[in-house]
Amino acid sequence: MQESLLLFEALLLKFLKGVPIVLILNKLDVFRQQIQEHPLRTWYPDFVGREKDHEAALSYIVAKFRAMKRLSDEREIHIYYTDATNIKASQATLRDIEDNVMPRIPKIH
């Protein structure tokens, strides 16, 4: 996850200024299983949620990504959650991004 946070920060702060921010947290079904065997506190000692509570762990992770955004950056972070096994939900997520986020991307002439 640390690599994902670093990449997100680089993209957010250096390369994608003025572009809507979309964060897709995929494979939540896998995450729910993994958090039972590998508590988040192992890698993030400052995590204070219950050890095997996937909702608390997910909230913590989202907060980490949100913390990357500077206060001066007025862009909203659009966060989507999907399961690897739920194709219909993933398709709905992509449609929502296409309908609600993509129109906000500035046109390059």
PDB file of N, CA and C in Angstrom:
ATOM      1  N   MET A   1       0.817  -1.187   0.000  1.00  0.00           N
ATOM      2  CA  MET A   1       0.000   0.000   0.000  1.00  0.00           C
ATOM      3  C   MET A   1       0.865   1.258   0.000  1.00  0.00           C
ATOM      4  N   GLN A   2       2.029   1.186   0.592  1.00  0.00           N
ATOM      5  CA  GLN A   2       2.897   2.365   0.652  1.00  0.00           C
ATOM      6  C   GLN A   2       3.258   2.850  -0.752  1.00  0.00           C
ATOM      7  N   GLU A   3       3.517   1.902  -1.671  1.00  0.00           N
ATOM      8  CA  GLU A   3       3.832   2.282  -3.048  1.00  0.00           C
ATOM      9  C   GLU A   3       2.642   2.980  -3.693  1.00  0.00           C
ATOM     10  N   SER A   4       1.434   2.504  -3.416  1.00  0.00           N
ATOM     11  CA  SER A   4       0.226   3.118  -3.967  1.00  0.00           C
ATOM     12  C   SER A   4       0.059   4.547  -3.452  1.00  0.00           C
ATOM     13  N   LEU A   5       0.337   4.750  -2.174  1.00  0.00           N
ATOM     14  CA  LEU A   5       0.241   6.100  -1.605  1.00  0.00           C
ATOM     15  C   LEU A   5       1.252   7.047  -2.251  1.00  0.00           C
ATOM     16  N   LEU A   6       2.472   6.570  -2.460  1.00  0.00           N
ATOM     17  CA  LEU A   6       3.501   7.408  -3.075  1.00  0.00           C
ATOM     18  C   LEU A   6       3.149   7.748  -4.523  1.00  0.00           C
ATOM     19  N   LEU A   7       2.653   6.771  -5.255  1.00  0.00           N
ATOM     20  CA  LEU A   7       2.243   7.009  -6.635  1.00  0.00           C
ATOM     21  C   LEU A   7       1.077   7.991  -6.686  1.00  0.00           C
ATOM     22  N   PHE A   8       0.110   7.797  -5.806  1.00  0.00           N
ATOM     23  CA  PHE A   8      -1.047   8.685  -5.738  1.00  0.00           C
ATOM     24  C   PHE A   8      -0.590  10.115  -5.468  1.00  0.00           C
ATOM     25  N   GLU A   9       0.314  10.282  -4.538  1.00  0.00           N
ATOM     26  CA  GLU A   9       0.806  11.614  -4.207  1.00  0.00           C
ATOM     27  C   GLU A   9       1.519  12.251  -5.396  1.00  0.00           C
ATOM     28  N   ALA A  10       2.362  11.489  -6.082  1.00  0.00           N
ATOM     29  CA  ALA A  10       3.079  12.032  -7.239  1.00  0.00           C
ATOM     30  C   ALA A  10       2.114  12.459  -8.335  1.00  0.00           C
ATOM     31  N   LEU A  11       1.137  11.615  -8.620  1.00  0.00           N
ATOM     32  CA  LEU A  11       0.162  11.950  -9.650  1.00  0.00           C
ATOM     33  C   LEU A  11      -0.683  13.145  -9.249  1.00  0.00           C
ATOM     34  N   LEU A  12      -1.100  13.159  -8.015  1.00  0.00           N
ATOM     35  CA  LEU A  12      -1.979  14.201  -7.506  1.00  0.00           C
ATOM     36  C   LEU A  12      -1.310  15.566  -7.489  1.00  0.00           C
ATOM     37  N   LEU A  13      -0.097  15.611  -7.021  1.00  0.00           N
ATOM     38  CA  LEU A  13       0.562  16.890  -6.805  1.00  0.00           C
ATOM     39  C   LEU A  13       1.381  17.394  -7.987  1.00  0.00           C
ATOM     40  N   LYS A  14       1.852  16.480  -8.830  1.00  0.00           N
ATOM     41  CA  LYS A  14       2.783  16.905  -9.868  1.00  0.00           C
ATOM     42  C   LYS A  14       2.212  16.842 -11.275  1.00  0.00           C
ATOM     43  N   PHE A  15       1.457  15.820 -11.580  1.00  0.00           N
ATOM     44  CA  PHE A  15       1.109  15.577 -12.970  1.00  0.00           C
ATOM     45  C   PHE A  15      -0.340  15.865 -13.332  1.00  0.00           C
ATOM     46  N   LEU A  16      -1.236  15.748 -12.416  1.00  0.00           N
ATOM     47  CA  LEU A  16      -2.656  15.827 -12.752  1.00  0.00           C
ATOM     48  C   LEU A  16      -3.351  17.029 -12.123  1.00  0.00           C
ATOM     49  N   LYS A  17      -2.685  18.132 -12.081  1.00  0.00           N
ATOM     50  CA  LYS A  17      -3.297  19.341 -11.520  1.00  0.00           C
ATOM     51  C   LYS A  17      -4.482  19.748 -12.382  1.00  0.00           C
ATOM     52  N   GLY A  18      -5.580  20.083 -11.745  1.00  0.00           N
ATOM     53  CA  GLY A  18      -6.766  20.528 -12.459  1.00  0.00           C
ATOM     54  C   GLY A  18      -7.647  19.410 -12.987  1.00  0.00           C
ATOM     55  N   VAL A  19      -7.252  18.181 -12.776  1.00  0.00           N
ATOM     56  CA  VAL A  19      -8.027  17.029 -13.248  1.00  0.00           C
ATOM     57  C   VAL A  19      -8.753  16.412 -12.051  1.00  0.00           C
ATOM     58  N   PRO A  20     -10.017  16.020 -12.226  1.00  0.00           N
ATOM     59  CA  PRO A  20     -10.726  15.379 -11.109  1.00  0.00           C
ATOM     60  C   PRO A  20      -9.962  14.161 -10.581  1.00  0.00           C
ATOM     61  N   ILE A  21     -10.070  13.951  -9.302  1.00  0.00           N
ATOM     62  CA  ILE A  21      -9.359  12.851  -8.651  1.00  0.00           C
ATOM     63  C   ILE A  21     -10.313  11.677  -8.466  1.00  0.00           C
ATOM     64  N   VAL A  22      -9.927  10.521  -8.997  1.00  0.00           N
ATOM     65  CA  VAL A  22     -10.726   9.315  -8.851  1.00  0.00           C
ATOM     66  C   VAL A  22      -9.845   8.256  -8.200  1.00  0.00           C
ATOM     67  N   LEU A  23     -10.314   7.718  -7.093  1.00  0.00           N
ATOM     68  CA  LEU A  23      -9.616   6.640  -6.401  1.00  0.00           C
ATOM     69  C   LEU A  23     -10.536   5.434  -6.402  1.00  0.00           C
ATOM     70  N   ILE A  24     -10.112   4.362  -7.060  1.00  0.00           N
ATOM     71  CA  ILE A  24     -10.899   3.129  -7.095  1.00  0.00           C
ATOM     72  C   ILE A  24     -10.202   2.116  -6.208  1.00  0.00           C
ATOM     73  N   LEU A  25     -10.864   1.730  -5.150  1.00  0.00           N
ATOM     74  CA  LEU A  25     -10.345   0.696  -4.260  1.00  0.00           C
ATOM     75  C   LEU A  25     -10.998  -0.609  -4.691  1.00  0.00           C
ATOM     76  N   ASN A  26     -10.232  -1.407  -5.388  1.00  0.00           N
ATOM     77  CA  ASN A  26     -10.735  -2.635  -5.992  1.00  0.00           C
ATOM     78  C   ASN A  26     -10.365  -3.843  -5.127  1.00  0.00           C
ATOM     79  N   LYS A  27     -11.023  -4.930  -5.395  1.00  0.00           N
ATOM     80  CA  LYS A  27     -10.777  -6.211  -4.728  1.00  0.00           C
ATOM     81  C   LYS A  27     -11.069  -6.148  -3.232  1.00  0.00           C
ATOM     82  N   LEU A  28     -12.142  -5.465  -2.876  1.00  0.00           N
ATOM     83  CA  LEU A  28     -12.493  -5.388  -1.455  1.00  0.00           C
ATOM     84  C   LEU A  28     -12.836  -6.746  -0.889  1.00  0.00           C
ATOM     85  N   ASP A  29     -13.314  -7.658  -1.738  1.00  0.00           N
ATOM     86  CA  ASP A  29     -13.576  -9.018  -1.271  1.00  0.00           C
ATOM     87  C   ASP A  29     -12.273  -9.673  -0.806  1.00  0.00           C
ATOM     88  N   VAL A  30     -11.200  -9.455  -1.535  1.00  0.00           N
ATOM     89  CA  VAL A  30      -9.892  -9.992  -1.151  1.00  0.00           C
ATOM     90  C   VAL A  30      -9.387  -9.277   0.100  1.00  0.00           C
ATOM     91  N   PHE A  31      -9.581  -7.967   0.150  1.00  0.00           N
ATOM     92  CA  PHE A  31      -9.154  -7.182   1.305  1.00  0.00           C
ATOM     93  C   PHE A  31      -9.823  -7.681   2.586  1.00  0.00           C
ATOM     94  N   ARG A  32     -11.132  -7.941   2.506  1.00  0.00           N
ATOM     95  CA  ARG A  32     -11.861  -8.431   3.692  1.00  0.00           C
ATOM     96  C   ARG A  32     -11.268  -9.736   4.221  1.00  0.00           C
ATOM     97  N   GLN A  33     -10.861 -10.600   3.319  1.00  0.00           N
ATOM     98  CA  GLN A  33     -10.244 -11.871   3.726  1.00  0.00           C
ATOM     99  C   GLN A  33      -8.850 -11.645   4.299  1.00  0.00           C
ATOM    100  N   GLN A  34      -8.068 -10.841   3.599  1.00  0.00           N
ATOM    101  CA  GLN A  34      -6.681 -10.630   4.004  1.00  0.00           C
ATOM    102  C   GLN A  34      -6.562  -9.934   5.360  1.00  0.00           C
ATOM    103  N   ILE A  35      -7.475  -9.022   5.642  1.00  0.00           N
ATOM    104  CA  ILE A  35      -7.380  -8.270   6.898  1.00  0.00           C
ATOM    105  C   ILE A  35      -7.624  -9.190   8.102  1.00  0.00           C
ATOM    106  N   GLN A  36      -8.291 -10.309   7.866  1.00  0.00           N
ATOM    107  CA  GLN A  36      -8.511 -11.274   8.946  1.00  0.00           C
ATOM    108  C   GLN A  36      -7.208 -11.986   9.325  1.00  0.00           C
ATOM    109  N   GLU A  37      -6.350 -12.200   8.334  1.00  0.00           N
ATOM    110  CA  GLU A  37      -5.097 -12.933   8.552  1.00  0.00           C
ATOM    111  C   GLU A  37      -3.894 -12.014   8.790  1.00  0.00           C
ATOM    112  N   HIS A  38      -3.966 -10.802   8.239  1.00  0.00           N
ATOM    113  CA  HIS A  38      -2.844  -9.876   8.306  1.00  0.00           C
ATOM    114  C   HIS A  38      -3.343  -8.512   8.782  1.00  0.00           C
ATOM    115  N   PRO A  39      -3.413  -8.315  10.086  1.00  0.00           N
ATOM    116  CA  PRO A  39      -3.933  -7.060  10.623  1.00  0.00           C
ATOM    117  C   PRO A  39      -3.180  -5.840  10.098  1.00  0.00           C
ATOM    118  N   LEU A  40      -3.913  -4.784   9.833  1.00  0.00           N
ATOM    119  CA  LEU A  40      -3.346  -3.551   9.290  1.00  0.00           C
ATOM    120  C   LEU A  40      -2.299  -2.958  10.230  1.00  0.00           C
ATOM    121  N   ARG A  41      -2.489  -3.132  11.511  1.00  0.00           N
ATOM    122  CA  ARG A  41      -1.562  -2.577  12.505  1.00  0.00           C
ATOM    123  C   ARG A  41      -0.143  -3.123  12.335  1.00  0.00           C
ATOM    124  N   THR A  42      -0.011  -4.278  11.694  1.00  0.00           N
ATOM    125  CA  THR A  42       1.315  -4.846  11.439  1.00  0.00           C
ATOM    126  C   THR A  42       2.162  -3.876  10.627  1.00  0.00           C
ATOM    127  N   TRP A  43       1.552  -3.206   9.648  1.00  0.00           N
ATOM    128  CA  TRP A  43       2.269  -2.279   8.781  1.00  0.00           C
ATOM    129  C   TRP A  43       2.068  -0.822   9.182  1.00  0.00           C
ATOM    130  N   TYR A  44       0.951  -0.550   9.850  1.00  0.00           N
ATOM    131  CA  TYR A  44       0.625   0.817  10.258  1.00  0.00           C
ATOM    132  C   TYR A  44       0.314   0.828  11.752  1.00  0.00           C
ATOM    133  N   PRO A  45       1.346   0.964  12.570  1.00  0.00           N
ATOM    134  CA  PRO A  45       1.158   0.913  14.018  1.00  0.00           C
ATOM    135  C   PRO A  45       0.221   1.992  14.561  1.00  0.00           C
ATOM    136  N   ASP A  46       0.018   3.078  13.787  1.00  0.00           N
ATOM    137  CA  ASP A  46      -0.863   4.145  14.262  1.00  0.00           C
ATOM    138  C   ASP A  46      -2.342   3.835  14.012  1.00  0.00           C
ATOM    139  N   PHE A  47      -2.629   2.729  13.354  1.00  0.00           N
ATOM    140  CA  PHE A  47      -4.022   2.316  13.165  1.00  0.00           C
ATOM    141  C   PHE A  47      -4.605   1.939  14.514  1.00  0.00           C
ATOM    142  N   VAL A  48      -5.721   2.576  14.900  1.00  0.00           N
ATOM    143  CA  VAL A  48      -6.288   2.353  16.232  1.00  0.00           C
ATOM    144  C   VAL A  48      -7.610   1.583  16.201  1.00  0.00           C
ATOM    145  N   GLY A  49      -8.051   1.196  15.010  1.00  0.00           N
ATOM    146  CA  GLY A  49      -9.309   0.453  14.907  1.00  0.00           C
ATOM    147  C   GLY A  49      -9.159  -0.972  15.419  1.00  0.00           C
ATOM    148  N   ARG A  50     -10.303  -1.650  15.504  1.00  0.00           N
ATOM    149  CA  ARG A  50     -10.265  -3.051  15.917  1.00  0.00           C
ATOM    150  C   ARG A  50      -9.464  -3.864  14.911  1.00  0.00           C
ATOM    151  N   GLU A  51      -8.741  -4.822  15.393  1.00  0.00           N
ATOM    152  CA  GLU A  51      -7.746  -5.535  14.597  1.00  0.00           C
ATOM    153  C   GLU A  51      -8.288  -6.161  13.316  1.00  0.00           C
ATOM    154  N   LYS A  52      -9.417  -6.813  13.350  1.00  0.00           N
ATOM    155  CA  LYS A  52      -9.931  -7.515  12.173  1.00  0.00           C
ATOM    156  C   LYS A  52     -11.168  -6.844  11.578  1.00  0.00           C
ATOM    157  N   ASP A  53     -11.368  -5.581  11.907  1.00  0.00           N
ATOM    158  CA  ASP A  53     -12.515  -4.830  11.417  1.00  0.00           C
ATOM    159  C   ASP A  53     -12.169  -4.228  10.055  1.00  0.00           C
ATOM    160  N   HIS A  54     -12.670  -4.852   8.988  1.00  0.00           N
ATOM    161  CA  HIS A  54     -12.304  -4.389   7.650  1.00  0.00           C
ATOM    162  C   HIS A  54     -12.851  -2.994   7.349  1.00  0.00           C
ATOM    163  N   GLU A  55     -13.990  -2.622   7.947  1.00  0.00           N
ATOM    164  CA  GLU A  55     -14.541  -1.279   7.728  1.00  0.00           C
ATOM    165  C   GLU A  55     -13.627  -0.216   8.350  1.00  0.00           C
ATOM    166  N   ALA A  56     -13.153  -0.474   9.552  1.00  0.00           N
ATOM    167  CA  ALA A  56     -12.244   0.470  10.208  1.00  0.00           C
ATOM    168  C   ALA A  56     -10.926   0.562   9.442  1.00  0.00           C
ATOM    169  N   ALA A  57     -10.442  -0.569   8.972  1.00  0.00           N
ATOM    170  CA  ALA A  57      -9.198  -0.578   8.198  1.00  0.00           C
ATOM    171  C   ALA A  57      -9.369   0.190   6.890  1.00  0.00           C
ATOM    172  N   LEU A  58     -10.499   0.006   6.242  1.00  0.00           N
ATOM    173  CA  LEU A  58     -10.774   0.709   4.995  1.00  0.00           C
ATOM    174  C   LEU A  58     -10.880   2.217   5.232  1.00  0.00           C
ATOM    175  N   SER A  59     -11.532   2.613   6.299  1.00  0.00           N
ATOM    176  CA  SER A  59     -11.626   4.040   6.643  1.00  0.00           C
ATOM    177  C   SER A  59     -10.245   4.640   6.875  1.00  0.00           C
ATOM    178  N   TYR A  60      -9.395   3.894   7.528  1.00  0.00           N
ATOM    179  CA  TYR A  60      -8.029   4.339   7.780  1.00  0.00           C
ATOM    180  C   TYR A  60      -7.284   4.537   6.458  1.00  0.00           C
ATOM    181  N   ILE A  61      -7.421   3.576   5.543  1.00  0.00           N
ATOM    182  CA  ILE A  61      -6.740   3.654   4.248  1.00  0.00           C
ATOM    183  C   ILE A  61      -7.246   4.850   3.449  1.00  0.00           C
ATOM    184  N   VAL A  62      -8.553   5.042   3.429  1.00  0.00           N
ATOM    185  CA  VAL A  62      -9.126   6.194   2.721  1.00  0.00           C
ATOM    186  C   VAL A  62      -8.589   7.495   3.315  1.00  0.00           C
ATOM    187  N   ALA A  63      -8.503   7.553   4.627  1.00  0.00           N
ATOM    188  CA  ALA A  63      -7.974   8.754   5.277  1.00  0.00           C
ATOM    189  C   ALA A  63      -6.523   9.013   4.866  1.00  0.00           C
ATOM    190  N   LYS A  64      -5.747   7.952   4.701  1.00  0.00           N
ATOM    191  CA  LYS A  64      -4.360   8.097   4.245  1.00  0.00           C
ATOM    192  C   LYS A  64      -4.311   8.739   2.860  1.00  0.00           C
ATOM    193  N   PHE A  65      -5.178   8.270   1.953  1.00  0.00           N
ATOM    194  CA  PHE A  65      -5.215   8.845   0.615  1.00  0.00           C
ATOM    195  C   PHE A  65      -5.713  10.291   0.654  1.00  0.00           C
ATOM    196  N   ARG A  66      -6.745  10.546   1.439  1.00  0.00           N
ATOM    197  CA  ARG A  66      -7.267  11.912   1.541  1.00  0.00           C
ATOM    198  C   ARG A  66      -6.215  12.870   2.112  1.00  0.00           C
ATOM    199  N   ALA A  67      -5.371  12.385   2.997  1.00  0.00           N
ATOM    200  CA  ALA A  67      -4.344  13.223   3.614  1.00  0.00           C
ATOM    201  C   ALA A  67      -3.307  13.694   2.593  1.00  0.00           C
ATOM    202  N   MET A  68      -3.219  13.030   1.466  1.00  0.00           N
ATOM    203  CA  MET A  68      -2.272  13.431   0.420  1.00  0.00           C
ATOM    204  C   MET A  68      -2.692  14.736  -0.258  1.00  0.00           C
ATOM    205  N   LYS A  69      -3.963  15.026  -0.227  1.00  0.00           N
ATOM    206  CA  LYS A  69      -4.494  16.206  -0.913  1.00  0.00           C
ATOM    207  C   LYS A  69      -4.212  17.442  -0.074  1.00  0.00           C
ATOM    208  N   ARG A  70      -3.664  18.431  -0.697  1.00  0.00           N
ATOM    209  CA  ARG A  70      -3.356  19.679   0.006  1.00  0.00           C
ATOM    210  C   ARG A  70      -4.627  20.477   0.253  1.00  0.00           C
ATOM    211  N   LEU A  71      -4.634  21.259   1.299  1.00  0.00           N
ATOM    212  CA  LEU A  71      -5.798  22.088   1.619  1.00  0.00           C
ATOM    213  C   LEU A  71      -6.121  23.077   0.505  1.00  0.00           C
ATOM    214  N   SER A  72      -5.104  23.537  -0.187  1.00  0.00           N
ATOM    215  CA  SER A  72      -5.322  24.500  -1.262  1.00  0.00           C
ATOM    216  C   SER A  72      -5.915  23.855  -2.517  1.00  0.00           C
ATOM    217  N   ASP A  73      -5.900  22.557  -2.567  1.00  0.00           N
ATOM    218  CA  ASP A  73      -6.435  21.828  -3.722  1.00  0.00           C
ATOM    219  C   ASP A  73      -7.937  21.658  -3.512  1.00  0.00           C
ATOM    220  N   GLU A  74      -8.723  22.322  -4.319  1.00  0.00           N
ATOM    221  CA  GLU A  74     -10.174  22.329  -4.139  1.00  0.00           C
ATOM    222  C   GLU A  74     -10.870  21.138  -4.795  1.00  0.00           C
ATOM    223  N   ARG A  75     -10.107  20.287  -5.465  1.00  0.00           N
ATOM    224  CA  ARG A  75     -10.725  19.146  -6.134  1.00  0.00           C
ATOM    225  C   ARG A  75     -11.277  18.151  -5.112  1.00  0.00           C
ATOM    226  N   GLU A  76     -12.400  17.600  -5.444  1.00  0.00           N
ATOM    227  CA  GLU A  76     -12.987  16.540  -4.628  1.00  0.00           C
ATOM    228  C   GLU A  76     -12.330  15.220  -5.016  1.00  0.00           C
ATOM    229  N   ILE A  77     -12.179  14.337  -4.051  1.00  0.00           N
ATOM    230  CA  ILE A  77     -11.695  12.993  -4.349  1.00  0.00           C
ATOM    231  C   ILE A  77     -12.923  12.097  -4.474  1.00  0.00           C
ATOM    232  N   HIS A  78     -13.114  11.535  -5.649  1.00  0.00           N
ATOM    233  CA  HIS A  78     -14.222  10.611  -5.895  1.00  0.00           C
ATOM    234  C   HIS A  78     -13.709   9.212  -5.579  1.00  0.00           C
ATOM    235  N   ILE A  79     -14.276   8.600  -4.552  1.00  0.00           N
ATOM    236  CA  ILE A  79     -13.804   7.283  -4.120  1.00  0.00           C
ATOM    237  C   ILE A  79     -14.855   6.240  -4.459  1.00  0.00           C
ATOM    238  N   TYR A  80     -14.386   5.176  -5.090  1.00  0.00           N
ATOM    239  CA  TYR A  80     -15.257   4.066  -5.478  1.00  0.00           C
ATOM    240  C   TYR A  80     -14.689   2.782  -4.904  1.00  0.00           C
ATOM    241  N   TYR A  81     -15.597   1.905  -4.495  1.00  0.00           N
ATOM    242  CA  TYR A  81     -15.223   0.618  -3.914  1.00  0.00           C
ATOM    243  C   TYR A  81     -15.800  -0.485  -4.796  1.00  0.00           C
ATOM    244  N   THR A  82     -14.974  -1.452  -5.163  1.00  0.00           N
ATOM    245  CA  THR A  82     -15.462  -2.553  -5.986  1.00  0.00           C
ATOM    246  C   THR A  82     -14.890  -3.877  -5.493  1.00  0.00           C
ATOM    247  N   ASP A  83     -15.605  -4.929  -5.836  1.00  0.00           N
ATOM    248  CA  ASP A  83     -15.136  -6.293  -5.576  1.00  0.00           C
ATOM    249  C   ASP A  83     -14.671  -6.893  -6.892  1.00  0.00           C
ATOM    250  N   ALA A  84     -13.615  -7.663  -6.839  1.00  0.00           N
ATOM    251  CA  ALA A  84     -13.085  -8.272  -8.054  1.00  0.00           C
ATOM    252  C   ALA A  84     -14.082  -9.240  -8.684  1.00  0.00           C
ATOM    253  N   THR A  85     -14.940  -9.819  -7.881  1.00  0.00           N
ATOM    254  CA  THR A  85     -15.863 -10.836  -8.377  1.00  0.00           C
ATOM    255  C   THR A  85     -17.213 -10.285  -8.809  1.00  0.00           C
ATOM    256  N   ASN A  86     -17.470  -9.010  -8.581  1.00  0.00           N
ATOM    257  CA  ASN A  86     -18.764  -8.426  -8.914  1.00  0.00           C
ATOM    258  C   ASN A  86     -18.637  -7.561 -10.169  1.00  0.00           C
ATOM    259  N   ILE A  87     -18.760  -8.211 -11.315  1.00  0.00           N
ATOM    260  CA  ILE A  87     -18.576  -7.538 -12.597  1.00  0.00           C
ATOM    261  C   ILE A  87     -19.603  -6.421 -12.795  1.00  0.00           C
ATOM    262  N   LYS A  88     -20.861  -6.685 -12.437  1.00  0.00           N
ATOM    263  CA  LYS A  88     -21.914  -5.675 -12.633  1.00  0.00           C
ATOM    264  C   LYS A  88     -21.639  -4.417 -11.818  1.00  0.00           C
ATOM    265  N   ALA A  89     -21.201  -4.598 -10.596  1.00  0.00           N
ATOM    266  CA  ALA A  89     -20.892  -3.436  -9.754  1.00  0.00           C
ATOM    267  C   ALA A  89     -19.696  -2.672 -10.310  1.00  0.00           C
ATOM    268  N   SER A  90     -18.701  -3.384 -10.814  1.00  0.00           N
ATOM    269  CA  SER A  90     -17.535  -2.726 -11.414  1.00  0.00           C
ATOM    270  C   SER A  90     -17.944  -1.941 -12.650  1.00  0.00           C
ATOM    271  N   GLN A  91     -18.812  -2.512 -13.462  1.00  0.00           N
ATOM    272  CA  GLN A  91     -19.303  -1.810 -14.648  1.00  0.00           C
ATOM    273  C   GLN A  91     -20.098  -0.565 -14.250  1.00  0.00           C
ATOM    274  N   ALA A  92     -20.907  -0.685 -13.204  1.00  0.00           N
ATOM    275  CA  ALA A  92     -21.681   0.464 -12.717  1.00  0.00           C
ATOM    276  C   ALA A  92     -20.743   1.563 -12.221  1.00  0.00           C
ATOM    277  N   THR A  93     -19.668   1.175 -11.568  1.00  0.00           N
ATOM    278  CA  THR A  93     -18.678   2.145 -11.096  1.00  0.00           C
ATOM    279  C   THR A  93     -18.066   2.898 -12.273  1.00  0.00           C
ATOM    280  N   LEU A  94     -17.681   2.169 -13.295  1.00  0.00           N
ATOM    281  CA  LEU A  94     -17.077   2.804 -14.469  1.00  0.00           C
ATOM    282  C   LEU A  94     -18.075   3.713 -15.192  1.00  0.00           C
ATOM    283  N   ARG A  95     -19.334   3.300 -15.256  1.00  0.00           N
ATOM    284  CA  ARG A  95     -20.370   4.155 -15.862  1.00  0.00           C
ATOM    285  C   ARG A  95     -20.540   5.444 -15.055  1.00  0.00           C
ATOM    286  N   ASP A  96     -20.531   5.317 -13.728  1.00  0.00           N
ATOM    287  CA  ASP A  96     -20.677   6.487 -12.873  1.00  0.00           C
ATOM    288  C   ASP A  96     -19.516   7.459 -13.071  1.00  0.00           C
ATOM    289  N   ILE A  97     -18.327   6.927 -13.178  1.00  0.00           N
ATOM    290  CA  ILE A  97     -17.160   7.777 -13.429  1.00  0.00           C
ATOM    291  C   ILE A  97     -17.302   8.461 -14.780  1.00  0.00           C
ATOM    292  N   GLU A  98     -17.703   7.692 -15.775  1.00  0.00           N
ATOM    293  CA  GLU A  98     -17.871   8.254 -17.119  1.00  0.00           C
ATOM    294  C   GLU A  98     -18.937   9.348 -17.138  1.00  0.00           C
ATOM    295  N   ASP A  99     -20.035   9.129 -16.431  1.00  0.00           N
ATOM    296  CA  ASP A  99     -21.146  10.085 -16.436  1.00  0.00           C
ATOM    297  C   ASP A  99     -20.918  11.311 -15.552  1.00  0.00           C
ATOM    298  N   ASN A 100     -20.247  11.114 -14.411  1.00  0.00           N
ATOM    299  CA  ASN A 100     -20.174  12.185 -13.413  1.00  0.00           C
ATOM    300  C   ASN A 100     -18.808  12.822 -13.220  1.00  0.00           C
ATOM    301  N   VAL A 101     -17.745  12.120 -13.591  1.00  0.00           N
ATOM    302  CA  VAL A 101     -16.404  12.660 -13.375  1.00  0.00           C
ATOM    303  C   VAL A 101     -15.768  13.098 -14.692  1.00  0.00           C
ATOM    304  N   MET A 102     -15.865  12.268 -15.692  1.00  0.00           N
ATOM    305  CA  MET A 102     -15.220  12.561 -16.972  1.00  0.00           C
ATOM    306  C   MET A 102     -15.652  13.901 -17.561  1.00  0.00           C
ATOM    307  N   PRO A 103     -16.926  14.290 -17.473  1.00  0.00           N
ATOM    308  CA  PRO A 103     -17.305  15.592 -18.037  1.00  0.00           C
ATOM    309  C   PRO A 103     -16.590  16.782 -17.377  1.00  0.00           C
ATOM    310  N   ARG A 104     -16.021  16.583 -16.213  1.00  0.00           N
ATOM    311  CA  ARG A 104     -15.329  17.664 -15.502  1.00  0.00           C
ATOM    312  C   ARG A 104     -13.866  17.829 -15.927  1.00  0.00           C
ATOM    313  N   ILE A 105     -13.373  16.918 -16.745  1.00  0.00           N
ATOM    314  CA  ILE A 105     -11.974  16.992 -17.180  1.00  0.00           C
ATOM    315  C   ILE A 105     -11.855  18.077 -18.244  1.00  0.00           C
ATOM    316  N   PRO A 106     -10.932  19.009 -18.043  1.00  0.00           N
ATOM    317  CA  PRO A 106     -10.777  20.092 -19.017  1.00  0.00           C
ATOM    318  C   PRO A 106     -10.386  19.545 -20.391  1.00  0.00           C
ATOM    319  N   LYS A 107     -10.946  20.125 -21.421  1.00  0.00           N
ATOM    320  CA  LYS A 107     -10.619  19.733 -22.786  1.00  0.00           C
ATOM    321  C   LYS A 107      -9.267  20.336 -23.179  1.00  0.00           C
ATOM    322  N   ILE A 108      -8.447  19.543 -23.825  1.00  0.00           N
ATOM    323  CA  ILE A 108      -7.153  20.015 -24.318  1.00  0.00           C
ATOM    324  C   ILE A 108      -7.313  20.294 -25.804  1.00  0.00           C
ATOM    325  N   HIS A 109      -6.974  21.497 -26.217  1.00  0.00           N
ATOM    326  CA  HIS A 109      -7.142  21.880 -27.620  1.00  0.00           C
ATOM    327  C   HIS A 109      -5.825  21.863 -28.325  1.00  0.00           C
TER     328      HIS A 109
END
